[in-house]
């Protein structure tokens, strides 16, 4: 595991990125932003 020492931090960053992307889907639907045609 060459990067095993960083696995917990990589997990946290991955969690944050996935959460952000999911949030973006909610913003599209709820507010019609980020490329959505309308809310």
ModelCIF file with pLDDT and N, C-alpha, C, O atoms, coordinates in Angstrom:
data_MODEL
#
_entry.id   MODEL 
#
_entity.id                         1 
_entity.type                       polymer 
_entity.pdbx_number_of_molecules   1 
#
_entity_poly.entity_id                      1 
_entity_poly.type                           'polypeptide(L)' 
_entity_poly.nstd_linkage                   no 
_entity_poly.nstd_monomer                   no 
_entity_poly.pdbx_seq_one_letter_code       
;(UNK)(UNK)(UNK)(UNK)(UNK)(UNK)(UNK)(UNK)(UNK)(UNK)(UNK)(UNK)(UNK)(UNK)(UNK)(UNK)
(UNK)(UNK)(UNK)(UNK)(UNK)(UNK)(UNK)(UNK)(UNK)(UNK)(UNK)(UNK)(UNK)(UNK)(UNK)(UNK)
(UNK)(UNK)(UNK)(UNK)(UNK)(UNK)(UNK)
;
_entity_poly.pdbx_seq_one_letter_code_can   XXXXXXXXXXXXXXXXXXXXXXXXXXXXXXXXXXXXXXX 
_entity_poly.pdbx_strand_id                 A 
#
loop_
_entity_poly_seq.entity_id 
_entity_poly_seq.num 
_entity_poly_seq.mon_id 
_entity_poly_seq.hetero 
1 1  UNK n 
1 2  UNK n 
1 3  UNK n 
1 4  UNK n 
1 5  UNK n 
1 6  UNK n 
1 7  UNK n 
1 8  UNK n 
1 9  UNK n 
1 10 UNK n 
1 11 UNK n 
1 12 UNK n 
1 13 UNK n 
1 14 UNK n 
1 15 UNK n 
1 16 UNK n 
1 17 UNK n 
1 18 UNK n 
1 19 UNK n 
1 20 UNK n 
1 21 UNK n 
1 22 UNK n 
1 23 UNK n 
1 24 UNK n 
1 25 UNK n 
1 26 UNK n 
1 27 UNK n 
1 28 UNK n 
1 29 UNK n 
1 30 UNK n 
1 31 UNK n 
1 32 UNK n 
1 33 UNK n 
1 34 UNK n 
1 35 UNK n 
1 36 UNK n 
1 37 UNK n 
1 38 UNK n 
1 39 UNK n 
#
_struct_asym.id          A 
_struct_asym.entity_id   1 
#
loop_
_ma_qa_metric.id 
_ma_qa_metric.mode 
_ma_qa_metric.name 
_ma_qa_metric.software_group_id 
_ma_qa_metric.type 
1 global pLDDT . pLDDT 
2 local  pLDDT . pLDDT 
#
_ma_qa_metric_global.metric_id      1 
_ma_qa_metric_global.metric_value   89.13 
_ma_qa_metric_global.model_id       1 
_ma_qa_metric_global.ordinal_id     1 
#
loop_
_ma_qa_metric_local.label_asym_id 
_ma_qa_metric_local.label_comp_id 
_ma_qa_metric_local.label_seq_id 
_ma_qa_metric_local.metric_id 
_ma_qa_metric_local.metric_value 
_ma_qa_metric_local.model_id 
_ma_qa_metric_local.ordinal_id 
A UNK 1  2 71.00 1 1  
A UNK 2  2 73.00 1 2  
A UNK 3  2 72.00 1 3  
A UNK 4  2 78.00 1 4  
A UNK 5  2 81.00 1 5  
A UNK 6  2 88.00 1 6  
A UNK 7  2 91.00 1 7  
A UNK 8  2 92.00 1 8  
A UNK 9  2 94.00 1 9  
A UNK 10 2 94.00 1 10 
A UNK 11 2 96.00 1 11 
A UNK 12 2 97.00 1 12 
A UNK 13 2 97.00 1 13 
A UNK 14 2 97.00 1 14 
A UNK 15 2 98.00 1 15 
A UNK 16 2 98.00 1 16 
A UNK 17 2 98.00 1 17 
A UNK 18 2 98.00 1 18 
A UNK 19 2 98.00 1 19 
A UNK 20 2 98.00 1 20 
A UNK 21 2 97.00 1 21 
A UNK 22 2 98.00 1 22 
A UNK 23 2 97.00 1 23 
A UNK 24 2 96.00 1 24 
A UNK 25 2 94.00 1 25 
A UNK 26 2 94.00 1 26 
A UNK 27 2 93.00 1 27 
A UNK 28 2 91.00 1 28 
A UNK 29 2 89.00 1 29 
A UNK 30 2 87.00 1 30 
A UNK 31 2 87.00 1 31 
A UNK 32 2 84.00 1 32 
A UNK 33 2 87.00 1 33 
A UNK 34 2 83.00 1 34 
A UNK 35 2 83.00 1 35 
A UNK 36 2 76.00 1 36 
A UNK 37 2 77.00 1 37 
A UNK 38 2 78.00 1 38 
A UNK 39 2 76.00 1 39 
#
loop_
_atom_site.group_PDB 
_atom_site.id 
_atom_site.type_symbol 
_atom_site.label_atom_id 
_atom_site.label_alt_id 
_atom_site.label_comp_id 
_atom_site.label_asym_id 
_atom_site.label_entity_id 
_atom_site.label_seq_id 
_atom_site.pdbx_PDB_ins_code 
_atom_site.Cartn_x 
_atom_site.Cartn_y 
_atom_site.Cartn_z 
_atom_site.occupancy 
_atom_site.B_iso_or_equiv 
_atom_site.pdbx_formal_charge 
_atom_site.auth_seq_id 
_atom_site.auth_comp_id 
_atom_site.auth_asym_id 
_atom_site.auth_atom_id 
_atom_site.pdbx_PDB_model_num 
ATOM 1   N N  . UNK A 1 1  ? 0.847   -1.189 0.000   1.00 71.00 ? 1  UNK A N  1 
ATOM 2   C CA . UNK A 1 1  ? 0.000   0.000  0.000   1.00 71.00 ? 1  UNK A CA 1 
ATOM 3   C C  . UNK A 1 1  ? 0.885   1.241  0.000   1.00 71.00 ? 1  UNK A C  1 
ATOM 4   O O  . UNK A 1 1  ? 1.155   1.806  1.060   1.00 71.00 ? 1  UNK A O  1 
ATOM 5   N N  . UNK A 1 2  ? 1.337   1.671  -1.171  1.00 73.00 ? 2  UNK A N  1 
ATOM 6   C CA . UNK A 1 2  ? 2.272   2.799  -1.211  1.00 73.00 ? 2  UNK A CA 1 
ATOM 7   C C  . UNK A 1 2  ? 1.700   4.094  -0.640  1.00 73.00 ? 2  UNK A C  1 
ATOM 8   O O  . UNK A 1 2  ? 2.449   4.919  -0.117  1.00 73.00 ? 2  UNK A O  1 
ATOM 9   N N  . UNK A 1 3  ? 0.399   4.281  -0.732  1.00 72.00 ? 3  UNK A N  1 
ATOM 10  C CA . UNK A 1 3  ? -0.203  5.507  -0.188  1.00 72.00 ? 3  UNK A CA 1 
ATOM 11  C C  . UNK A 1 3  ? -1.083  5.215  1.025   1.00 72.00 ? 3  UNK A C  1 
ATOM 12  O O  . UNK A 1 3  ? -1.921  6.032  1.406   1.00 72.00 ? 3  UNK A O  1 
ATOM 13  N N  . UNK A 1 4  ? -0.887  4.045  1.626   1.00 78.00 ? 4  UNK A N  1 
ATOM 14  C CA . UNK A 1 4  ? -1.703  3.653  2.760   1.00 78.00 ? 4  UNK A CA 1 
ATOM 15  C C  . UNK A 1 4  ? -1.669  4.630  3.907   1.00 78.00 ? 4  UNK A C  1 
ATOM 16  O O  . UNK A 1 4  ? -2.659  4.777  4.625   1.00 78.00 ? 4  UNK A O  1 
ATOM 17  N N  . UNK A 1 5  ? -0.549  5.304  4.095   1.00 81.00 ? 5  UNK A N  1 
ATOM 18  C CA . UNK A 1 5  ? -0.424  6.285  5.184   1.00 81.00 ? 5  UNK A CA 1 
ATOM 19  C C  . UNK A 1 5  ? -1.426  7.424  5.039   1.00 81.00 ? 5  UNK A C  1 
ATOM 20  O O  . UNK A 1 5  ? -1.765  8.077  6.026   1.00 81.00 ? 5  UNK A O  1 
ATOM 21  N N  . UNK A 1 6  ? -1.903  7.671  3.824   1.00 88.00 ? 6  UNK A N  1 
ATOM 22  C CA . UNK A 1 6  ? -2.812  8.791  3.565   1.00 88.00 ? 6  UNK A CA 1 
ATOM 23  C C  . UNK A 1 6  ? -4.260  8.350  3.371   1.00 88.00 ? 6  UNK A C  1 
ATOM 24  O O  . UNK A 1 6  ? -5.109  9.173  3.030   1.00 88.00 ? 6  UNK A O  1 
ATOM 25  N N  . UNK A 1 7  ? -4.556  7.072  3.581   1.00 91.00 ? 7  UNK A N  1 
ATOM 26  C CA . UNK A 1 7  ? -5.876  6.553  3.209   1.00 91.00 ? 7  UNK A CA 1 
ATOM 27  C C  . UNK A 1 7  ? -7.024  7.253  3.928   1.00 91.00 ? 7  UNK A C  1 
ATOM 28  O O  . UNK A 1 7  ? -8.065  7.494  3.317   1.00 91.00 ? 7  UNK A O  1 
ATOM 29  N N  . UNK A 1 8  ? -6.868  7.579  5.186   1.00 92.00 ? 8  UNK A N  1 
ATOM 30  C CA . UNK A 1 8  ? -7.951  8.247  5.914   1.00 92.00 ? 8  UNK A CA 1 
ATOM 31  C C  . UNK A 1 8  ? -8.211  9.653  5.367   1.00 92.00 ? 8  UNK A C  1 
ATOM 32  O O  . UNK A 1 8  ? -9.355  10.105 5.313   1.00 92.00 ? 8  UNK A O  1 
ATOM 33  N N  . UNK A 1 9  ? -7.152  10.326 4.968   1.00 94.00 ? 9  UNK A N  1 
ATOM 34  C CA . UNK A 1 9  ? -7.313  11.674 4.420   1.00 94.00 ? 9  UNK A CA 1 
ATOM 35  C C  . UNK A 1 9  ? -7.878  11.631 3.003   1.00 94.00 ? 9  UNK A C  1 
ATOM 36  O O  . UNK A 1 9  ? -8.688  12.478 2.628   1.00 94.00 ? 9  UNK A O  1 
ATOM 37  N N  . UNK A 1 10 ? -7.455  10.656 2.228   1.00 94.00 ? 10 UNK A N  1 
ATOM 38  C CA . UNK A 1 10 ? -8.014  10.471 0.883   1.00 94.00 ? 10 UNK A CA 1 
ATOM 39  C C  . UNK A 1 10 ? -9.500  10.137 0.992   1.00 94.00 ? 10 UNK A C  1 
ATOM 40  O O  . UNK A 1 10 ? -10.305 10.618 0.195   1.00 94.00 ? 10 UNK A O  1 
ATOM 41  N N  . UNK A 1 11 ? -9.862  9.321  1.971   1.00 96.00 ? 11 UNK A N  1 
ATOM 42  C CA . UNK A 1 11 ? -11.276 9.014  2.201   1.00 96.00 ? 11 UNK A CA 1 
ATOM 43  C C  . UNK A 1 11 ? -12.061 10.297 2.506   1.00 96.00 ? 11 UNK A C  1 
ATOM 44  O O  . UNK A 1 11 ? -13.125 10.520 1.929   1.00 96.00 ? 11 UNK A O  1 
ATOM 45  N N  . UNK A 1 12 ? -11.549 11.130 3.398   1.00 97.00 ? 12 UNK A N  1 
ATOM 46  C CA . UNK A 1 12 ? -12.245 12.371 3.761   1.00 97.00 ? 12 UNK A CA 1 
ATOM 47  C C  . UNK A 1 12 ? -12.416 13.298 2.561   1.00 97.00 ? 12 UNK A C  1 
ATOM 48  O O  . UNK A 1 12 ? -13.478 13.892 2.377   1.00 97.00 ? 12 UNK A O  1 
ATOM 49  N N  . UNK A 1 13 ? -11.381 13.417 1.755   1.00 97.00 ? 13 UNK A N  1 
ATOM 50  C CA . UNK A 1 13 ? -11.463 14.269 0.568   1.00 97.00 ? 13 UNK A CA 1 
ATOM 51  C C  . UNK A 1 13 ? -12.467 13.680 -0.427  1.00 97.00 ? 13 UNK A C  1 
ATOM 52  O O  . UNK A 1 13 ? -13.250 14.416 -1.027  1.00 97.00 ? 13 UNK A O  1 
ATOM 53  N N  . UNK A 1 14 ? -12.445 12.369 -0.601  1.00 97.00 ? 14 UNK A N  1 
ATOM 54  C CA . UNK A 1 14 ? -13.402 11.716 -1.499  1.00 97.00 ? 14 UNK A CA 1 
ATOM 55  C C  . UNK A 1 14 ? -14.830 11.939 -1.017  1.00 97.00 ? 14 UNK A C  1 
ATOM 56  O O  . UNK A 1 14 ? -15.721 12.224 -1.817  1.00 97.00 ? 14 UNK A O  1 
ATOM 57  N N  . UNK A 1 15 ? -15.049 11.809 0.289   1.00 98.00 ? 15 UNK A N  1 
ATOM 58  C CA . UNK A 1 15 ? -16.374 12.059 0.861   1.00 98.00 ? 15 UNK A CA 1 
ATOM 59  C C  . UNK A 1 15 ? -16.833 13.487 0.575   1.00 98.00 ? 15 UNK A C  1 
ATOM 60  O O  . UNK A 1 15 ? -17.989 13.717 0.219   1.00 98.00 ? 15 UNK A O  1 
ATOM 61  N N  . UNK A 1 16 ? -15.922 14.439 0.733   1.00 98.00 ? 16 UNK A N  1 
ATOM 62  C CA . UNK A 1 16 ? -16.260 15.841 0.500   1.00 98.00 ? 16 UNK A CA 1 
ATOM 63  C C  . UNK A 1 16 ? -16.573 16.097 -0.981  1.00 98.00 ? 16 UNK A C  1 
ATOM 64  O O  . UNK A 1 16 ? -17.512 16.829 -1.292  1.00 98.00 ? 16 UNK A O  1 
ATOM 65  N N  . UNK A 1 17 ? -15.813 15.513 -1.875  1.00 98.00 ? 17 UNK A N  1 
ATOM 66  C CA . UNK A 1 17 ? -16.037 15.711 -3.316  1.00 98.00 ? 17 UNK A CA 1 
ATOM 67  C C  . UNK A 1 17 ? -17.369 15.095 -3.744  1.00 98.00 ? 17 UNK A C  1 
ATOM 68  O O  . UNK A 1 17 ? -18.136 15.723 -4.474  1.00 98.00 ? 17 UNK A O  1 
ATOM 69  N N  . UNK A 1 18 ? -17.643 13.876 -3.296  1.00 98.00 ? 18 UNK A N  1 
ATOM 70  C CA . UNK A 1 18 ? -18.909 13.225 -3.648  1.00 98.00 ? 18 UNK A CA 1 
ATOM 71  C C  . UNK A 1 18 ? -20.081 14.020 -3.076  1.00 98.00 ? 18 UNK A C  1 
ATOM 72  O O  . UNK A 1 18 ? -21.092 14.201 -3.756  1.00 98.00 ? 18 UNK A O  1 
ATOM 73  N N  . UNK A 1 19 ? -19.961 14.490 -1.849  1.00 98.00 ? 19 UNK A N  1 
ATOM 74  C CA . UNK A 1 19 ? -21.012 15.320 -1.256  1.00 98.00 ? 19 UNK A CA 1 
ATOM 75  C C  . UNK A 1 19 ? -21.241 16.592 -2.055  1.00 98.00 ? 19 UNK A C  1 
ATOM 76  O O  . UNK A 1 19 ? -22.383 16.995 -2.278  1.00 98.00 ? 19 UNK A O  1 
ATOM 77  N N  . UNK A 1 20 ? -20.153 17.225 -2.486  1.00 98.00 ? 20 UNK A N  1 
ATOM 78  C CA . UNK A 1 20 ? -20.264 18.444 -3.295  1.00 98.00 ? 20 UNK A CA 1 
ATOM 79  C C  . UNK A 1 20 ? -20.971 18.169 -4.621  1.00 98.00 ? 20 UNK A C  1 
ATOM 80  O O  . UNK A 1 20 ? -21.829 18.945 -5.042  1.00 98.00 ? 20 UNK A O  1 
ATOM 81  N N  . UNK A 1 21 ? -20.614 17.076 -5.272  1.00 97.00 ? 21 UNK A N  1 
ATOM 82  C CA . UNK A 1 21 ? -21.254 16.732 -6.546  1.00 97.00 ? 21 UNK A CA 1 
ATOM 83  C C  . UNK A 1 21 ? -22.735 16.440 -6.359  1.00 97.00 ? 21 UNK A C  1 
ATOM 84  O O  . UNK A 1 21 ? -23.553 16.801 -7.205  1.00 97.00 ? 21 UNK A O  1 
ATOM 85  N N  . UNK A 1 22 ? -23.082 15.787 -5.252  1.00 98.00 ? 22 UNK A N  1 
ATOM 86  C CA . UNK A 1 22 ? -24.486 15.503 -4.962  1.00 98.00 ? 22 UNK A CA 1 
ATOM 87  C C  . UNK A 1 22 ? -25.237 16.801 -4.668  1.00 98.00 ? 22 UNK A C  1 
ATOM 88  O O  . UNK A 1 22 ? -26.373 16.983 -5.106  1.00 98.00 ? 22 UNK A O  1 
ATOM 89  N N  . UNK A 1 23 ? -24.604 17.685 -3.935  1.00 97.00 ? 23 UNK A N  1 
ATOM 90  C CA . UNK A 1 23 ? -25.160 19.010 -3.674  1.00 97.00 ? 23 UNK A CA 1 
ATOM 91  C C  . UNK A 1 23 ? -25.441 19.736 -4.987  1.00 97.00 ? 23 UNK A C  1 
ATOM 92  O O  . UNK A 1 23 ? -26.471 20.396 -5.122  1.00 97.00 ? 23 UNK A O  1 
ATOM 93  N N  . UNK A 1 24 ? -24.535 19.618 -5.953  1.00 96.00 ? 24 UNK A N  1 
ATOM 94  C CA . UNK A 1 24 ? -24.727 20.277 -7.250  1.00 96.00 ? 24 UNK A CA 1 
ATOM 95  C C  . UNK A 1 24 ? -25.977 19.764 -7.958  1.00 96.00 ? 24 UNK A C  1 
ATOM 96  O O  . UNK A 1 24 ? -26.668 20.533 -8.625  1.00 96.00 ? 24 UNK A O  1 
ATOM 97  N N  . UNK A 1 25 ? -26.274 18.470 -7.820  1.00 94.00 ? 25 UNK A N  1 
ATOM 98  C CA . UNK A 1 25 ? -27.513 17.934 -8.407  1.00 94.00 ? 25 UNK A CA 1 
ATOM 99  C C  . UNK A 1 25 ? -28.728 18.579 -7.749  1.00 94.00 ? 25 UNK A C  1 
ATOM 100 O O  . UNK A 1 25 ? -29.700 18.920 -8.422  1.00 94.00 ? 25 UNK A O  1 
ATOM 101 N N  . UNK A 1 26 ? -28.665 18.744 -6.438  1.00 94.00 ? 26 UNK A N  1 
ATOM 102 C CA . UNK A 1 26 ? -29.755 19.405 -5.726  1.00 94.00 ? 26 UNK A CA 1 
ATOM 103 C C  . UNK A 1 26 ? -29.912 20.852 -6.135  1.00 94.00 ? 26 UNK A C  1 
ATOM 104 O O  . UNK A 1 26 ? -31.036 21.339 -6.260  1.00 94.00 ? 26 UNK A O  1 
ATOM 105 N N  . UNK A 1 27 ? -28.808 21.552 -6.348  1.00 93.00 ? 27 UNK A N  1 
ATOM 106 C CA . UNK A 1 27 ? -28.871 22.946 -6.801  1.00 93.00 ? 27 UNK A CA 1 
ATOM 107 C C  . UNK A 1 27 ? -29.504 23.050 -8.180  1.00 93.00 ? 27 UNK A C  1 
ATOM 108 O O  . UNK A 1 27 ? -30.281 23.968 -8.444  1.00 93.00 ? 27 UNK A O  1 
ATOM 109 N N  . UNK A 1 28 ? -29.170 22.103 -9.065  1.00 91.00 ? 28 UNK A N  1 
ATOM 110 C CA . UNK A 1 28 ? -29.771 22.098 -10.399 1.00 91.00 ? 28 UNK A CA 1 
ATOM 111 C C  . UNK A 1 28 ? -31.282 21.970 -10.312 1.00 91.00 ? 28 UNK A C  1 
ATOM 112 O O  . UNK A 1 28 ? -32.016 22.748 -10.921 1.00 91.00 ? 28 UNK A O  1 
ATOM 113 N N  . UNK A 1 29 ? -31.741 20.987 -9.555  1.00 89.00 ? 29 UNK A N  1 
ATOM 114 C CA . UNK A 1 29 ? -33.181 20.736 -9.468  1.00 89.00 ? 29 UNK A CA 1 
ATOM 115 C C  . UNK A 1 29 ? -33.904 21.875 -8.753  1.00 89.00 ? 29 UNK A C  1 
ATOM 116 O O  . UNK A 1 29 ? -34.939 22.354 -9.218  1.00 89.00 ? 29 UNK A O  1 
ATOM 117 N N  . UNK A 1 30 ? -33.355 22.301 -7.631  1.00 87.00 ? 30 UNK A N  1 
ATOM 118 C CA . UNK A 1 30 ? -34.059 23.257 -6.777  1.00 87.00 ? 30 UNK A CA 1 
ATOM 119 C C  . UNK A 1 30 ? -34.017 24.689 -7.285  1.00 87.00 ? 30 UNK A C  1 
ATOM 120 O O  . UNK A 1 30 ? -34.985 25.432 -7.118  1.00 87.00 ? 30 UNK A O  1 
ATOM 121 N N  . UNK A 1 31 ? -32.914 25.086 -7.900  1.00 87.00 ? 31 UNK A N  1 
ATOM 122 C CA . UNK A 1 31 ? -32.752 26.485 -8.290  1.00 87.00 ? 31 UNK A CA 1 
ATOM 123 C C  . UNK A 1 31 ? -32.536 26.707 -9.780  1.00 87.00 ? 31 UNK A C  1 
ATOM 124 O O  . UNK A 1 31 ? -32.447 27.851 -10.225 1.00 87.00 ? 31 UNK A O  1 
ATOM 125 N N  . UNK A 1 32 ? -32.450 25.636 -10.554 1.00 84.00 ? 32 UNK A N  1 
ATOM 126 C CA . UNK A 1 32 ? -32.279 25.777 -11.998 1.00 84.00 ? 32 UNK A CA 1 
ATOM 127 C C  . UNK A 1 32 ? -30.938 26.368 -12.387 1.00 84.00 ? 32 UNK A C  1 
ATOM 128 O O  . UNK A 1 32 ? -30.845 27.078 -13.389 1.00 84.00 ? 32 UNK A O  1 
ATOM 129 N N  . UNK A 1 33 ? -29.904 26.089 -11.618 1.00 87.00 ? 33 UNK A N  1 
ATOM 130 C CA . UNK A 1 33 ? -28.564 26.622 -11.900 1.00 87.00 ? 33 UNK A CA 1 
ATOM 131 C C  . UNK A 1 33 ? -27.648 25.495 -12.373 1.00 87.00 ? 33 UNK A C  1 
ATOM 132 O O  . UNK A 1 33 ? -28.062 24.338 -12.447 1.00 87.00 ? 33 UNK A O  1 
ATOM 133 N N  . UNK A 1 34 ? -26.416 25.837 -12.687 1.00 83.00 ? 34 UNK A N  1 
ATOM 134 C CA . UNK A 1 34 ? -25.381 24.871 -13.074 1.00 83.00 ? 34 UNK A CA 1 
ATOM 135 C C  . UNK A 1 34 ? -25.785 24.051 -14.302 1.00 83.00 ? 34 UNK A C  1 
ATOM 136 O O  . UNK A 1 34 ? -25.594 22.836 -14.351 1.00 83.00 ? 34 UNK A O  1 
ATOM 137 N N  . UNK A 1 35 ? -26.338 24.736 -15.271 1.00 83.00 ? 35 UNK A N  1 
ATOM 138 C CA . UNK A 1 35 ? -26.669 24.089 -16.531 1.00 83.00 ? 35 UNK A CA 1 
ATOM 139 C C  . UNK A 1 35 ? -28.091 23.571 -16.640 1.00 83.00 ? 35 UNK A C  1 
ATOM 140 O O  . UNK A 1 35 ? -28.477 23.066 -17.694 1.00 83.00 ? 35 UNK A O  1 
ATOM 141 N N  . UNK A 1 36 ? -28.876 23.681 -15.587 1.00 76.00 ? 36 UNK A N  1 
ATOM 142 C CA . UNK A 1 36 ? -30.270 23.231 -15.652 1.00 76.00 ? 36 UNK A CA 1 
ATOM 143 C C  . UNK A 1 36 ? -31.080 24.233 -16.466 1.00 76.00 ? 36 UNK A C  1 
ATOM 144 O O  . UNK A 1 36 ? -30.799 25.432 -16.458 1.00 76.00 ? 36 UNK A O  1 
ATOM 145 N N  . UNK A 1 37 ? -32.073 23.731 -17.156 1.00 77.00 ? 37 UNK A N  1 
ATOM 146 C CA . UNK A 1 37 ? -32.911 24.620 -17.968 1.00 77.00 ? 37 UNK A CA 1 
ATOM 147 C C  . UNK A 1 37 ? -33.815 25.475 -17.087 1.00 77.00 ? 37 UNK A C  1 
ATOM 148 O O  . UNK A 1 37 ? -34.028 26.654 -17.367 1.00 77.00 ? 37 UNK A O  1 
ATOM 149 N N  . UNK A 1 38 ? -34.347 24.876 -16.019 1.00 78.00 ? 38 UNK A N  1 
ATOM 150 C CA . UNK A 1 38 ? -35.179 25.615 -15.076 1.00 78.00 ? 38 UNK A CA 1 
ATOM 151 C C  . UNK A 1 38 ? -35.309 24.821 -13.792 1.00 78.00 ? 38 UNK A C  1 
ATOM 152 O O  . UNK A 1 38 ? -35.052 23.617 -13.762 1.00 78.00 ? 38 UNK A O  1 
ATOM 153 N N  . UNK A 1 39 ? -35.709 25.503 -12.733 1.00 76.00 ? 39 UNK A N  1 
ATOM 154 C CA . UNK A 1 39 ? -35.925 24.825 -11.455 1.00 76.00 ? 39 UNK A CA 1 
ATOM 155 C C  . UNK A 1 39 ? -37.241 24.063 -11.511 1.00 76.00 ? 39 UNK A C  1 
ATOM 156 O O  . UNK A 1 39 ? -37.622 23.417 -10.536 1.00 76.00 ? 39 UNK A O  1 
#
